[in-house]
Amino acid sequence: MLWGVTKLIRVRLMAACCMLLCASLAARAQPPETRPWRLAVLATTPLSLEVTRTRMLPALARLGFVDGRNLGVSMYWGEIPELPDRVRALLQERPDVVFTTGSDTTQAVRAQSTTVPVVYFGADPVGQGFAASLARPGGMLTGISILAAELEGKRLDMLHQALPGRRRIGALMYAPSPDRPASEREMRRTAATLGLELRLFDVATREGFPAAFAAMQEARIEALLIMATPQFFGDAAQLARLAREAQLPTICEWASMAGAGCLLGFGPDIDDLRRRAGSQVARILSGVPPGDIPIELPTRYTLGVNLRTAQALGITLPATVMAQADDVFE
């Protein structure tokens, strides 16, 4: 009798173990759509959130992570002083990944958590101290380096190609940005090479834009480079309007900013970069440690030209510049 009870217990234990093993294997084999993941997005402008929504989320959906089905997406934005509060709110949701746009947002997240995985989109993450190297970032961060500072020199050169007779160039700088010192160094190096006179005009908020443009007119600035930063991306239309009123041709960070009214927009292909960022988010959600995912660099650059702005300013752009244009706004 005792033997029979013991045998029965053994059989039940084996059955229970088999059930647990099968459940474990089934859980591991589950497709992405059965797992409720959470993605938080943090930006300093609502336009950056919109770009993420329209470019990155479709890329994630193609990889099996669909917003509203197996992926919950929370989006936050705020001015720099508001970022600590935004980070506290998003961390309460216990996200599996945080996507940050810009150095400011990344610093704000890292100030409150070093354990949440971060996919970063912004200037040099190694120089900012966010990553050990591009190939092996280490820690809990990977992302896209958009080479913001390095490209400022190329933008200045492009502006010079478009307007070779204009020597007194202004640069609108976002004073609070951690990227500002590197951007200034690159601008000054290129200006010295091209023999241009460069004047910098700092602003800390959009309320300072009118005073900055008034100072440019007083200094008789002949053309304007607008520094690459998420804040100016979000205010592209306002900046383009102020520049037209001041009769200043501008070059901005992204080709799409020419569509908002800048004369020229030059930078990496933002659609491609956001899709690649989506792929990085998907890899983390699939179990790859962020620090093992290489930080990616741009591979394609686009030039936007606004012919309406050129006509309003009485400018005829050289054929060599027009031949390089990927997007022409008429």
C-alpha atoms as a PDB file:
ATOM      1  CA  MET A   1       0.000   0.000   0.000  1.00  0.00           C
ATOM      2  CA  LEU A   2       2.808   2.346   0.962  1.00  0.00           C
ATOM      3  CA  TRP A   3       4.590   1.500  -2.296  1.00  0.00           C
ATOM      4  CA  GLY A   4       1.485   2.384  -4.293  1.00  0.00           C
ATOM      5  CA  VAL A   5       1.098   5.759  -2.577  1.00  0.00           C
ATOM      6  CA  THR A   6       4.793   6.532  -3.126  1.00  0.00           C
ATOM      7  CA  LYS A   7       4.509   5.606  -6.808  1.00  0.00           C
ATOM      8  CA  LEU A   8       1.451   7.821  -7.180  1.00  0.00           C
ATOM      9  CA  ILE A   9       3.279  10.767  -5.587  1.00  0.00           C
ATOM     10  CA  ARG A  10       6.246  10.239  -7.908  1.00  0.00           C
ATOM     11  CA  VAL A  11       3.989  10.148 -10.951  1.00  0.00           C
ATOM     12  CA  ARG A  12       2.244  13.351  -9.886  1.00  0.00           C
ATOM     13  CA  LEU A  13       5.552  15.081  -9.189  1.00  0.00           C
ATOM     14  CA  MET A  14       6.874  14.087 -12.608  1.00  0.00           C
ATOM     15  CA  ALA A  15       3.689  15.311 -14.241  1.00  0.00           C
ATOM     16  CA  ALA A  16       3.896  18.601 -12.382  1.00  0.00           C
ATOM     17  CA  CYS A  17       7.550  19.058 -13.410  1.00  0.00           C
ATOM     18  CA  CYS A  18       6.664  18.337 -17.018  1.00  0.00           C
ATOM     19  CA  MET A  19       3.860  20.887 -16.904  1.00  0.00           C
ATOM     20  CA  LEU A  20       6.179  23.535 -15.443  1.00  0.00           C
ATOM     21  CA  LEU A  21       8.841  22.783 -18.045  1.00  0.00           C
ATOM     22  CA  CYS A  22       6.346  22.968 -20.895  1.00  0.00           C
ATOM     23  CA  ALA A  23       4.938  26.226 -19.551  1.00  0.00           C
ATOM     24  CA  SER A  24       8.432  27.683 -19.307  1.00  0.00           C
ATOM     25  CA  LEU A  25       9.333  26.617 -22.852  1.00  0.00           C
ATOM     26  CA  ALA A  26       6.031  27.932 -24.163  1.00  0.00           C
ATOM     27  CA  ALA A  27       6.594  31.294 -22.493  1.00  0.00           C
ATOM     28  CA  ARG A  28      10.027  31.561 -24.089  1.00  0.00           C
ATOM     29  CA  ALA A  29       8.615  30.619 -27.485  1.00  0.00           C
ATOM     30  CA  GLN A  30       5.800  33.154 -27.351  1.00  0.00           C
ATOM     31  CA  PRO A  31       5.800  35.592 -30.257  1.00  0.00           C
ATOM     32  CA  PRO A  32       6.325  39.292 -29.415  1.00  0.00           C
ATOM     33  CA  GLU A  33       2.615  40.118 -29.755  1.00  0.00           C
ATOM     34  CA  THR A  34       1.733  38.098 -26.649  1.00  0.00           C
ATOM     35  CA  ARG A  35       4.122  40.071 -24.380  1.00  0.00           C
ATOM     36  CA  PRO A  36       2.925  43.383 -22.883  1.00  0.00           C
ATOM     37  CA  TRP A  37       5.960  45.667 -23.275  1.00  0.00           C
ATOM     38  CA  ARG A  38       6.238  49.333 -22.306  1.00  0.00           C
ATOM     39  CA  LEU A  39       8.134  52.031 -24.200  1.00  0.00           C
ATOM     40  CA  ALA A  40       8.539  55.571 -22.858  1.00  0.00           C
ATOM     41  CA  VAL A  41       9.611  58.448 -25.115  1.00  0.00           C
ATOM     42  CA  LEU A  42      11.119  61.655 -23.727  1.00  0.00           C
ATOM     43  CA  ALA A  43      11.699  64.811 -25.770  1.00  0.00           C
ATOM     44  CA  THR A  44      12.015  68.559 -25.359  1.00  0.00           C
ATOM     45  CA  THR A  45       9.551  69.440 -28.139  1.00  0.00           C
ATOM     46  CA  PRO A  46       6.192  67.991 -29.214  1.00  0.00           C
ATOM     47  CA  LEU A  47       7.469  67.905 -32.810  1.00  0.00           C
ATOM     48  CA  SER A  48      10.137  65.381 -31.791  1.00  0.00           C
ATOM     49  CA  LEU A  49       7.386  63.191 -30.343  1.00  0.00           C
ATOM     50  CA  GLU A  50       5.426  63.441 -33.582  1.00  0.00           C
ATOM     51  CA  VAL A  51       8.456  62.372 -35.627  1.00  0.00           C
ATOM     52  CA  THR A  52       8.889  59.392 -33.299  1.00  0.00           C
ATOM     53  CA  ARG A  53       5.212  58.491 -33.624  1.00  0.00           C
ATOM     54  CA  THR A  54       5.187  58.629 -37.431  1.00  0.00           C
ATOM     55  CA  ARG A  55       8.656  57.208 -38.188  1.00  0.00           C
ATOM     56  CA  MET A  56       9.764  54.913 -35.368  1.00  0.00           C
ATOM     57  CA  LEU A  57       6.532  53.261 -34.219  1.00  0.00           C
ATOM     58  CA  PRO A  58       5.729  51.886 -37.711  1.00  0.00           C
ATOM     59  CA  ALA A  59       9.233  50.357 -37.804  1.00  0.00           C
ATOM     60  CA  LEU A  60       8.585  48.712 -34.441  1.00  0.00           C
ATOM     61  CA  ALA A  61       5.233  47.397 -35.672  1.00  0.00           C
ATOM     62  CA  ARG A  62       6.919  45.740 -38.653  1.00  0.00           C
ATOM     63  CA  LEU A  63       9.195  43.962 -36.178  1.00  0.00           C
ATOM     64  CA  GLY A  64       6.247  42.617 -34.182  1.00  0.00           C
ATOM     65  CA  PHE A  65       5.888  45.273 -31.458  1.00  0.00           C
ATOM     66  CA  VAL A  66       2.587  46.998 -32.138  1.00  0.00           C
ATOM     67  CA  ASP A  67       1.404  50.035 -30.204  1.00  0.00           C
ATOM     68  CA  GLY A  68      -1.921  49.235 -28.552  1.00  0.00           C
ATOM     69  CA  ARG A  69      -1.571  45.478 -28.983  1.00  0.00           C
ATOM     70  CA  ASN A  70       1.550  44.181 -27.264  1.00  0.00           C
ATOM     71  CA  LEU A  71       3.300  47.516 -26.783  1.00  0.00           C
ATOM     72  CA  GLY A  72       2.226  50.410 -24.589  1.00  0.00           C
ATOM     73  CA  VAL A  73       3.794  53.718 -25.592  1.00  0.00           C
ATOM     74  CA  SER A  74       3.922  56.743 -23.285  1.00  0.00           C
ATOM     75  CA  MET A  75       5.193  60.044 -24.634  1.00  0.00           C
ATOM     76  CA  TYR A  76       6.504  62.924 -22.532  1.00  0.00           C
ATOM     77  CA  TRP A  77       7.980  66.273 -23.413  1.00  0.00           C
ATOM     78  CA  GLY A  78       9.032  69.333 -21.468  1.00  0.00           C
ATOM     79  CA  GLU A  79      11.431  72.250 -21.392  1.00  0.00           C
ATOM     80  CA  ILE A  80      14.779  71.477 -19.789  1.00  0.00           C
ATOM     81  CA  PRO A  81      13.773  72.649 -16.273  1.00  0.00           C
ATOM     82  CA  GLU A  82      10.694  70.400 -16.475  1.00  0.00           C
ATOM     83  CA  LEU A  83      12.571  67.223 -17.444  1.00  0.00           C
ATOM     84  CA  PRO A  84      13.174  65.879 -13.899  1.00  0.00           C
ATOM     85  CA  ASP A  85       9.407  65.854 -13.285  1.00  0.00           C
ATOM     86  CA  ARG A  86       8.769  64.163 -16.630  1.00  0.00           C
ATOM     87  CA  VAL A  87      11.355  61.489 -15.845  1.00  0.00           C
ATOM     88  CA  ARG A  88       9.800  60.784 -12.451  1.00  0.00           C
ATOM     89  CA  ALA A  89       6.431  60.320 -14.130  1.00  0.00           C
ATOM     90  CA  LEU A  90       7.678  57.981 -16.852  1.00  0.00           C
ATOM     91  CA  LEU A  91       9.749  55.868 -14.450  1.00  0.00           C
ATOM     92  CA  GLN A  92       6.629  55.228 -12.384  1.00  0.00           C
ATOM     93  CA  GLU A  93       5.276  53.318 -15.388  1.00  0.00           C
ATOM     94  CA  ARG A  94       8.262  50.929 -15.185  1.00  0.00           C
ATOM     95  CA  PRO A  95       9.137  51.082 -18.900  1.00  0.00           C
ATOM     96  CA  ASP A  96      11.131  48.301 -20.540  1.00  0.00           C
ATOM     97  CA  VAL A  97      12.940  50.877 -22.707  1.00  0.00           C
ATOM     98  CA  VAL A  98      13.186  54.675 -22.753  1.00  0.00           C
ATOM     99  CA  PHE A  99      13.817  56.443 -26.076  1.00  0.00           C
ATOM    100  CA  THR A 100      15.443  59.847 -25.559  1.00  0.00           C
ATOM    101  CA  THR A 101      15.915  62.622 -28.104  1.00  0.00           C
ATOM    102  CA  GLY A 102      18.903  64.797 -27.276  1.00  0.00           C
ATOM    103  CA  SER A 103      21.574  65.018 -24.591  1.00  0.00           C
ATOM    104  CA  ASP A 104      19.315  66.930 -22.195  1.00  0.00           C
ATOM    105  CA  THR A 105      16.711  64.205 -21.986  1.00  0.00           C
ATOM    106  CA  THR A 106      19.318  61.472 -21.629  1.00  0.00           C
ATOM    107  CA  GLN A 107      21.067  63.271 -18.791  1.00  0.00           C
ATOM    108  CA  ALA A 108      17.704  63.714 -17.060  1.00  0.00           C
ATOM    109  CA  VAL A 109      16.950  59.969 -17.259  1.00  0.00           C
ATOM    110  CA  ARG A 110      20.413  58.905 -16.119  1.00  0.00           C
ATOM    111  CA  ALA A 111      20.216  61.294 -13.164  1.00  0.00           C
ATOM    112  CA  GLN A 112      17.307  59.247 -11.799  1.00  0.00           C
ATOM    113  CA  SER A 113      17.985  55.729 -13.086  1.00  0.00           C
ATOM    114  CA  THR A 114      21.008  53.808 -14.294  1.00  0.00           C
ATOM    115  CA  THR A 115      19.113  50.528 -14.649  1.00  0.00           C
ATOM    116  CA  VAL A 116      16.430  51.366 -17.222  1.00  0.00           C
ATOM    117  CA  PRO A 117      17.539  50.584 -20.823  1.00  0.00           C
ATOM    118  CA  VAL A 118      17.919  53.721 -22.956  1.00  0.00           C
ATOM    119  CA  VAL A 119      17.986  54.144 -26.736  1.00  0.00           C
ATOM    120  CA  TYR A 120      19.586  57.529 -27.353  1.00  0.00           C
ATOM    121  CA  PHE A 121      19.158  59.813 -30.370  1.00  0.00           C
ATOM    122  CA  GLY A 122      21.488  62.797 -30.366  1.00  0.00           C
ATOM    123  CA  ALA A 123      25.036  64.148 -30.436  1.00  0.00           C
ATOM    124  CA  ASP A 124      28.224  62.239 -29.591  1.00  0.00           C
ATOM    125  CA  PRO A 125      27.252  59.803 -26.790  1.00  0.00           C
ATOM    126  CA  VAL A 126      30.872  58.860 -26.098  1.00  0.00           C
ATOM    127  CA  GLY A 127      31.950  62.475 -25.702  1.00  0.00           C
ATOM    128  CA  GLN A 128      28.942  63.086 -23.460  1.00  0.00           C
ATOM    129  CA  GLY A 129      30.003  60.196 -21.222  1.00  0.00           C
ATOM    130  CA  PHE A 130      26.910  58.117 -21.990  1.00  0.00           C
ATOM    131  CA  ALA A 131      28.827  55.240 -23.622  1.00  0.00           C
ATOM    132  CA  ALA A 132      32.271  53.650 -23.392  1.00  0.00           C
ATOM    133  CA  SER A 133      32.581  53.339 -27.172  1.00  0.00           C
ATOM    134  CA  LEU A 134      30.432  53.222 -30.286  1.00  0.00           C
ATOM    135  CA  ALA A 135      31.139  49.544 -30.932  1.00  0.00           C
ATOM    136  CA  ARG A 136      30.469  48.395 -27.346  1.00  0.00           C
ATOM    137  CA  PRO A 137      28.612  51.099 -25.419  1.00  0.00           C
ATOM    138  CA  GLY A 138      28.449  49.089 -22.187  1.00  0.00           C
ATOM    139  CA  GLY A 139      25.987  49.830 -19.415  1.00  0.00           C
ATOM    140  CA  MET A 140      22.311  50.334 -20.221  1.00  0.00           C
ATOM    141  CA  LEU A 141      22.504  52.598 -23.283  1.00  0.00           C
ATOM    142  CA  THR A 142      22.736  52.311 -27.032  1.00  0.00           C
ATOM    143  CA  GLY A 143      21.327  54.462 -29.823  1.00  0.00           C
ATOM    144  CA  ILE A 144      22.065  56.719 -32.763  1.00  0.00           C
ATOM    145  CA  SER A 145      24.799  59.369 -32.879  1.00  0.00           C
ATOM    146  CA  ILE A 146      23.652  62.021 -35.358  1.00  0.00           C
ATOM    147  CA  LEU A 147      27.078  63.720 -35.486  1.00  0.00           C
ATOM    148  CA  ALA A 148      25.455  67.053 -34.626  1.00  0.00           C
ATOM    149  CA  ALA A 149      28.615  69.028 -33.842  1.00  0.00           C
ATOM    150  CA  GLU A 150      30.699  67.484 -36.621  1.00  0.00           C
ATOM    151  CA  LEU A 151      28.111  68.476 -39.208  1.00  0.00           C
ATOM    152  CA  GLU A 152      28.036  72.153 -38.191  1.00  0.00           C
ATOM    153  CA  GLY A 153      31.202  72.709 -40.215  1.00  0.00           C
ATOM    154  CA  LYS A 154      29.641  71.027 -43.243  1.00  0.00           C
ATOM    155  CA  ARG A 155      26.553  73.226 -42.903  1.00  0.00           C
ATOM    156  CA  LEU A 156      28.698  76.343 -42.767  1.00  0.00           C
ATOM    157  CA  ASP A 157      30.536  75.194 -45.884  1.00  0.00           C
ATOM    158  CA  MET A 158      27.208  74.495 -47.628  1.00  0.00           C
ATOM    159  CA  LEU A 159      25.964  77.986 -46.731  1.00  0.00           C
ATOM    160  CA  HIS A 160      29.176  79.421 -48.156  1.00  0.00           C
ATOM    161  CA  GLN A 161      28.694  77.449 -51.389  1.00  0.00           C
ATOM    162  CA  ALA A 162      25.160  78.810 -51.719  1.00  0.00           C
ATOM    163  CA  LEU A 163      26.143  82.417 -50.898  1.00  0.00           C
ATOM    164  CA  PRO A 164      29.838  82.799 -51.763  1.00  0.00           C
ATOM    165  CA  GLY A 165      29.762  86.584 -51.610  1.00  0.00           C
ATOM    166  CA  ARG A 166      28.562  86.766 -47.998  1.00  0.00           C
ATOM    167  CA  ARG A 167      31.365  86.803 -45.429  1.00  0.00           C
ATOM    168  CA  ARG A 168      29.758  87.969 -42.165  1.00  0.00           C
ATOM    169  CA  ILE A 169      27.957  84.889 -40.890  1.00  0.00           C
ATOM    170  CA  GLY A 170      25.880  84.582 -37.734  1.00  0.00           C
ATOM    171  CA  ALA A 171      25.214  81.427 -35.743  1.00  0.00           C
ATOM    172  CA  LEU A 172      22.165  81.117 -33.518  1.00  0.00           C
ATOM    173  CA  MET A 173      23.226  79.026 -30.508  1.00  0.00           C
ATOM    174  CA  TYR A 174      21.120  77.278 -27.857  1.00  0.00           C
ATOM    175  CA  ALA A 175      22.978  78.305 -24.690  1.00  0.00           C
ATOM    176  CA  PRO A 176      21.737  75.550 -22.298  1.00  0.00           C
ATOM    177  CA  SER A 177      22.669  72.699 -24.648  1.00  0.00           C
ATOM    178  CA  PRO A 178      25.497  70.381 -23.558  1.00  0.00           C
ATOM    179  CA  ASP A 179      26.378  70.165 -27.269  1.00  0.00           C
ATOM    180  CA  ARG A 180      27.037  73.887 -27.614  1.00  0.00           C
ATOM    181  CA  PRO A 181      30.831  73.910 -26.899  1.00  0.00           C
ATOM    182  CA  ALA A 182      31.548  71.197 -29.485  1.00  0.00           C
ATOM    183  CA  SER A 183      29.314  72.918 -32.045  1.00  0.00           C
ATOM    184  CA  GLU A 184      31.107  76.232 -31.535  1.00  0.00           C
ATOM    185  CA  ARG A 185      34.531  74.627 -31.956  1.00  0.00           C
ATOM    186  CA  GLU A 186      33.513  73.046 -35.269  1.00  0.00           C
ATOM    187  CA  MET A 187      31.952  76.267 -36.573  1.00  0.00           C
ATOM    188  CA  ARG A 188      34.999  78.355 -35.688  1.00  0.00           C
ATOM    189  CA  ARG A 189      37.389  75.851 -37.248  1.00  0.00           C
ATOM    190  CA  THR A 190      35.463  75.855 -40.540  1.00  0.00           C
ATOM    191  CA  ALA A 191      34.980  79.632 -40.532  1.00  0.00           C
ATOM    192  CA  ALA A 192      38.741  80.128 -40.181  1.00  0.00           C
ATOM    193  CA  THR A 193      39.380  77.717 -43.056  1.00  0.00           C
ATOM    194  CA  LEU A 194      36.884  79.505 -45.322  1.00  0.00           C
ATOM    195  CA  GLY A 195      37.958  82.997 -44.281  1.00  0.00           C
ATOM    196  CA  LEU A 196      34.539  83.886 -42.860  1.00  0.00           C
ATOM    197  CA  GLU A 197      33.734  86.275 -40.022  1.00  0.00           C
ATOM    198  CA  LEU A 198      31.616  84.331 -37.523  1.00  0.00           C
ATOM    199  CA  ARG A 199      29.450  85.922 -34.838  1.00  0.00           C
ATOM    200  CA  LEU A 200      27.578  83.844 -32.251  1.00  0.00           C
ATOM    201  CA  PHE A 201      24.190  84.779 -30.802  1.00  0.00           C
ATOM    202  CA  ASP A 202      23.018  82.810 -27.757  1.00  0.00           C
ATOM    203  CA  VAL A 203      19.437  82.264 -26.662  1.00  0.00           C
ATOM    204  CA  ALA A 204      18.131  80.265 -23.706  1.00  0.00           C
ATOM    205  CA  THR A 205      14.400  80.296 -24.535  1.00  0.00           C
ATOM    206  CA  ARG A 206      12.227  81.014 -27.559  1.00  0.00           C
ATOM    207  CA  GLU A 207      11.270  84.312 -25.905  1.00  0.00           C
ATOM    208  CA  GLY A 208      14.831  85.423 -26.666  1.00  0.00           C
ATOM    209  CA  PHE A 209      14.505  84.930 -30.437  1.00  0.00           C
ATOM    210  CA  PRO A 210      13.352  88.481 -31.351  1.00  0.00           C
ATOM    211  CA  ALA A 211      16.198  90.125 -29.401  1.00  0.00           C
ATOM    212  CA  ALA A 212      18.738  87.784 -31.022  1.00  0.00           C
ATOM    213  CA  PHE A 213      17.551  88.653 -34.532  1.00  0.00           C
ATOM    214  CA  ALA A 214      17.565  92.351 -33.686  1.00  0.00           C
ATOM    215  CA  ALA A 215      21.189  91.964 -32.572  1.00  0.00           C
ATOM    216  CA  MET A 216      22.007  90.202 -35.848  1.00  0.00           C
ATOM    217  CA  GLN A 217      20.589  93.089 -37.849  1.00  0.00           C
ATOM    218  CA  GLU A 218      22.557  95.576 -35.766  1.00  0.00           C
ATOM    219  CA  ALA A 219      25.720  93.543 -36.426  1.00  0.00           C
ATOM    220  CA  ARG A 220      24.870  93.494 -40.162  1.00  0.00           C
ATOM    221  CA  ILE A 221      24.940  89.718 -40.371  1.00  0.00           C
ATOM    222  CA  GLU A 222      24.613  88.514 -43.982  1.00  0.00           C
ATOM    223  CA  ALA A 223      23.600  84.858 -43.502  1.00  0.00           C
ATOM    224  CA  LEU A 224      22.690  82.611 -40.589  1.00  0.00           C
ATOM    225  CA  LEU A 225      23.492  79.091 -39.415  1.00  0.00           C
ATOM    226  CA  ILE A 226      20.974  77.741 -36.894  1.00  0.00           C
ATOM    227  CA  MET A 227      22.630  75.312 -34.475  1.00  0.00           C
ATOM    228  CA  ALA A 228      21.555  71.657 -34.501  1.00  0.00           C
ATOM    229  CA  THR A 229      19.420  71.092 -31.415  1.00  0.00           C
ATOM    230  CA  PRO A 230      15.953  69.616 -30.748  1.00  0.00           C
ATOM    231  CA  GLN A 231      14.740  72.981 -29.432  1.00  0.00           C
ATOM    232  CA  PHE A 232      15.419  74.784 -32.729  1.00  0.00           C
ATOM    233  CA  PHE A 233      13.968  71.843 -34.666  1.00  0.00           C
ATOM    234  CA  GLY A 234      10.721  72.317 -32.799  1.00  0.00           C
ATOM    235  CA  ASP A 235      10.744  76.071 -33.453  1.00  0.00           C
ATOM    236  CA  ALA A 236      11.789  75.870 -37.119  1.00  0.00           C
ATOM    237  CA  ALA A 237       8.776  77.726 -38.517  1.00  0.00           C
ATOM    238  CA  GLN A 238       9.121  80.629 -36.064  1.00  0.00           C
ATOM    239  CA  LEU A 239      12.862  80.907 -36.670  1.00  0.00           C
ATOM    240  CA  ALA A 240      12.368  80.826 -40.440  1.00  0.00           C
ATOM    241  CA  ARG A 241       9.782  83.604 -40.229  1.00  0.00           C
ATOM    242  CA  LEU A 242      12.065  85.806 -38.112  1.00  0.00           C
ATOM    243  CA  ALA A 243      14.937  85.178 -40.520  1.00  0.00           C
ATOM    244  CA  ARG A 244      12.849  86.171 -43.535  1.00  0.00           C
ATOM    245  CA  GLU A 245      11.736  89.337 -41.774  1.00  0.00           C
ATOM    246  CA  ALA A 246      15.405  90.122 -41.068  1.00  0.00           C
ATOM    247  CA  GLN A 247      16.301  89.312 -44.710  1.00  0.00           C
ATOM    248  CA  LEU A 248      18.649  86.559 -43.522  1.00  0.00           C
ATOM    249  CA  PRO A 249      19.147  83.374 -45.548  1.00  0.00           C
ATOM    250  CA  THR A 250      19.483  80.394 -43.212  1.00  0.00           C
ATOM    251  CA  ILE A 251      20.777  76.866 -43.103  1.00  0.00           C
ATOM    252  CA  CYS A 252      19.194  74.490 -40.582  1.00  0.00           C
ATOM    253  CA  GLU A 253      19.764  71.011 -39.177  1.00  0.00           C
ATOM    254  CA  TRP A 254      17.390  68.790 -41.166  1.00  0.00           C
ATOM    255  CA  ALA A 255      16.237  68.815 -44.784  1.00  0.00           C
ATOM    256  CA  SER A 256      12.643  68.981 -43.539  1.00  0.00           C
ATOM    257  CA  MET A 257      13.380  72.331 -41.871  1.00  0.00           C
ATOM    258  CA  ALA A 258      13.680  73.832 -45.349  1.00  0.00           C
ATOM    259  CA  GLY A 259      10.044  72.868 -45.723  1.00  0.00           C
ATOM    260  CA  ALA A 260       9.309  74.989 -42.640  1.00  0.00           C
ATOM    261  CA  GLY A 261      10.913  78.028 -44.309  1.00  0.00           C
ATOM    262  CA  CYS A 262      14.693  77.809 -43.873  1.00  0.00           C
ATOM    263  CA  LEU A 263      16.521  78.497 -47.130  1.00  0.00           C
ATOM    264  CA  LEU A 264      18.586  75.321 -46.726  1.00  0.00           C
ATOM    265  CA  GLY A 265      18.327  72.269 -44.481  1.00  0.00           C
ATOM    266  CA  PHE A 266      21.148  69.758 -44.363  1.00  0.00           C
ATOM    267  CA  GLY A 267      21.603  66.715 -42.163  1.00  0.00           C
ATOM    268  CA  PRO A 268      21.223  62.953 -41.836  1.00  0.00           C
ATOM    269  CA  ASP A 269      18.158  61.225 -43.244  1.00  0.00           C
ATOM    270  CA  ILE A 270      15.905  61.477 -40.183  1.00  0.00           C
ATOM    271  CA  ASP A 271      13.414  58.895 -41.479  1.00  0.00           C
ATOM    272  CA  ASP A 272      16.164  56.301 -41.842  1.00  0.00           C
ATOM    273  CA  LEU A 273      17.625  57.086 -38.414  1.00  0.00           C
ATOM    274  CA  ARG A 274      14.301  56.779 -36.587  1.00  0.00           C
ATOM    275  CA  ARG A 275      13.652  53.447 -38.302  1.00  0.00           C
ATOM    276  CA  ARG A 276      17.063  52.224 -37.172  1.00  0.00           C
ATOM    277  CA  ALA A 277      16.344  53.429 -33.644  1.00  0.00           C
ATOM    278  CA  GLY A 278      13.138  51.379 -33.758  1.00  0.00           C
ATOM    279  CA  SER A 279      15.190  48.314 -34.642  1.00  0.00           C
ATOM    280  CA  GLN A 280      17.405  48.921 -31.603  1.00  0.00           C
ATOM    281  CA  VAL A 281      14.359  49.208 -29.336  1.00  0.00           C
ATOM    282  CA  ALA A 282      13.058  45.914 -30.757  1.00  0.00           C
ATOM    283  CA  ARG A 283      16.370  44.162 -30.069  1.00  0.00           C
ATOM    284  CA  ILE A 284      16.280  45.270 -26.427  1.00  0.00           C
ATOM    285  CA  LEU A 285      12.668  44.116 -26.061  1.00  0.00           C
ATOM    286  CA  SER A 286      13.770  40.771 -27.511  1.00  0.00           C
ATOM    287  CA  GLY A 287      16.341  40.359 -24.752  1.00  0.00           C
ATOM    288  CA  VAL A 288      19.595  41.812 -26.126  1.00  0.00           C
ATOM    289  CA  PRO A 289      21.470  43.889 -23.493  1.00  0.00           C
ATOM    290  CA  PRO A 290      21.661  47.553 -24.581  1.00  0.00           C
ATOM    291  CA  GLY A 291      25.388  47.754 -23.921  1.00  0.00           C
ATOM    292  CA  ASP A 292      25.999  44.967 -26.464  1.00  0.00           C
ATOM    293  CA  ILE A 293      24.229  46.830 -29.288  1.00  0.00           C
ATOM    294  CA  PRO A 294      26.613  49.103 -31.255  1.00  0.00           C
ATOM    295  CA  ILE A 295      25.746  52.781 -31.475  1.00  0.00           C
ATOM    296  CA  GLU A 296      24.976  53.568 -35.096  1.00  0.00           C
ATOM    297  CA  LEU A 297      26.057  56.517 -37.235  1.00  0.00           C
ATOM    298  CA  PRO A 298      24.283  58.186 -40.173  1.00  0.00           C
ATOM    299  CA  THR A 299      24.906  56.659 -43.577  1.00  0.00           C
ATOM    300  CA  ARG A 300      22.830  59.010 -45.729  1.00  0.00           C
ATOM    301  CA  TYR A 301      22.520  62.798 -45.736  1.00  0.00           C
ATOM    302  CA  THR A 302      19.865  64.937 -47.386  1.00  0.00           C
ATOM    303  CA  LEU A 303      19.737  68.554 -48.522  1.00  0.00           C
ATOM    304  CA  GLY A 304      16.495  70.502 -48.619  1.00  0.00           C
ATOM    305  CA  VAL A 305      16.085  73.772 -50.528  1.00  0.00           C
ATOM    306  CA  ASN A 306      13.188  76.205 -50.207  1.00  0.00           C
ATOM    307  CA  LEU A 307      12.796  78.130 -53.461  1.00  0.00           C
ATOM    308  CA  ARG A 308       9.945  80.218 -52.037  1.00  0.00           C
ATOM    309  CA  THR A 309      12.309  81.541 -49.391  1.00  0.00           C
ATOM    310  CA  ALA A 310      15.028  82.115 -52.005  1.00  0.00           C
ATOM    311  CA  GLN A 311      12.589  84.143 -54.128  1.00  0.00           C
ATOM    312  CA  ALA A 312      11.403  86.164 -51.120  1.00  0.00           C
ATOM    313  CA  LEU A 313      15.033  87.037 -50.307  1.00  0.00           C
ATOM    314  CA  GLY A 314      15.958  87.758 -53.930  1.00  0.00           C
ATOM    315  CA  ILE A 315      18.480  84.913 -54.035  1.00  0.00           C
ATOM    316  CA  THR A 316      19.382  82.718 -56.992  1.00  0.00           C
ATOM    317  CA  LEU A 317      21.108  79.598 -55.774  1.00  0.00           C
ATOM    318  CA  PRO A 318      24.077  78.224 -57.743  1.00  0.00           C
ATOM    319  CA  ALA A 319      23.417  75.254 -60.005  1.00  0.00           C
ATOM    320  CA  THR A 320      26.035  73.271 -58.065  1.00  0.00           C
ATOM    321  CA  VAL A 321      23.937  73.601 -54.903  1.00  0.00           C
ATOM    322  CA  MET A 322      20.653  72.792 -56.635  1.00  0.00           C
ATOM    323  CA  ALA A 323      22.243  69.668 -58.131  1.00  0.00           C
ATOM    324  CA  GLN A 324      22.852  68.373 -54.591  1.00  0.00           C
ATOM    325  CA  ALA A 325      19.264  68.955 -53.418  1.00  0.00           C
ATOM    326  CA  ASP A 326      17.202  65.933 -52.408  1.00  0.00           C
ATOM    327  CA  ASP A 327      14.063  67.893 -51.496  1.00  0.00           C
ATOM    328  CA  VAL A 328      13.012  71.114 -53.239  1.00  0.00           C
ATOM    329  CA  PHE A 329      10.136  73.118 -51.762  1.00  0.00           C
ATOM    330  CA  GLU A 330       8.482  75.422 -54.322  1.00  0.00           C
END
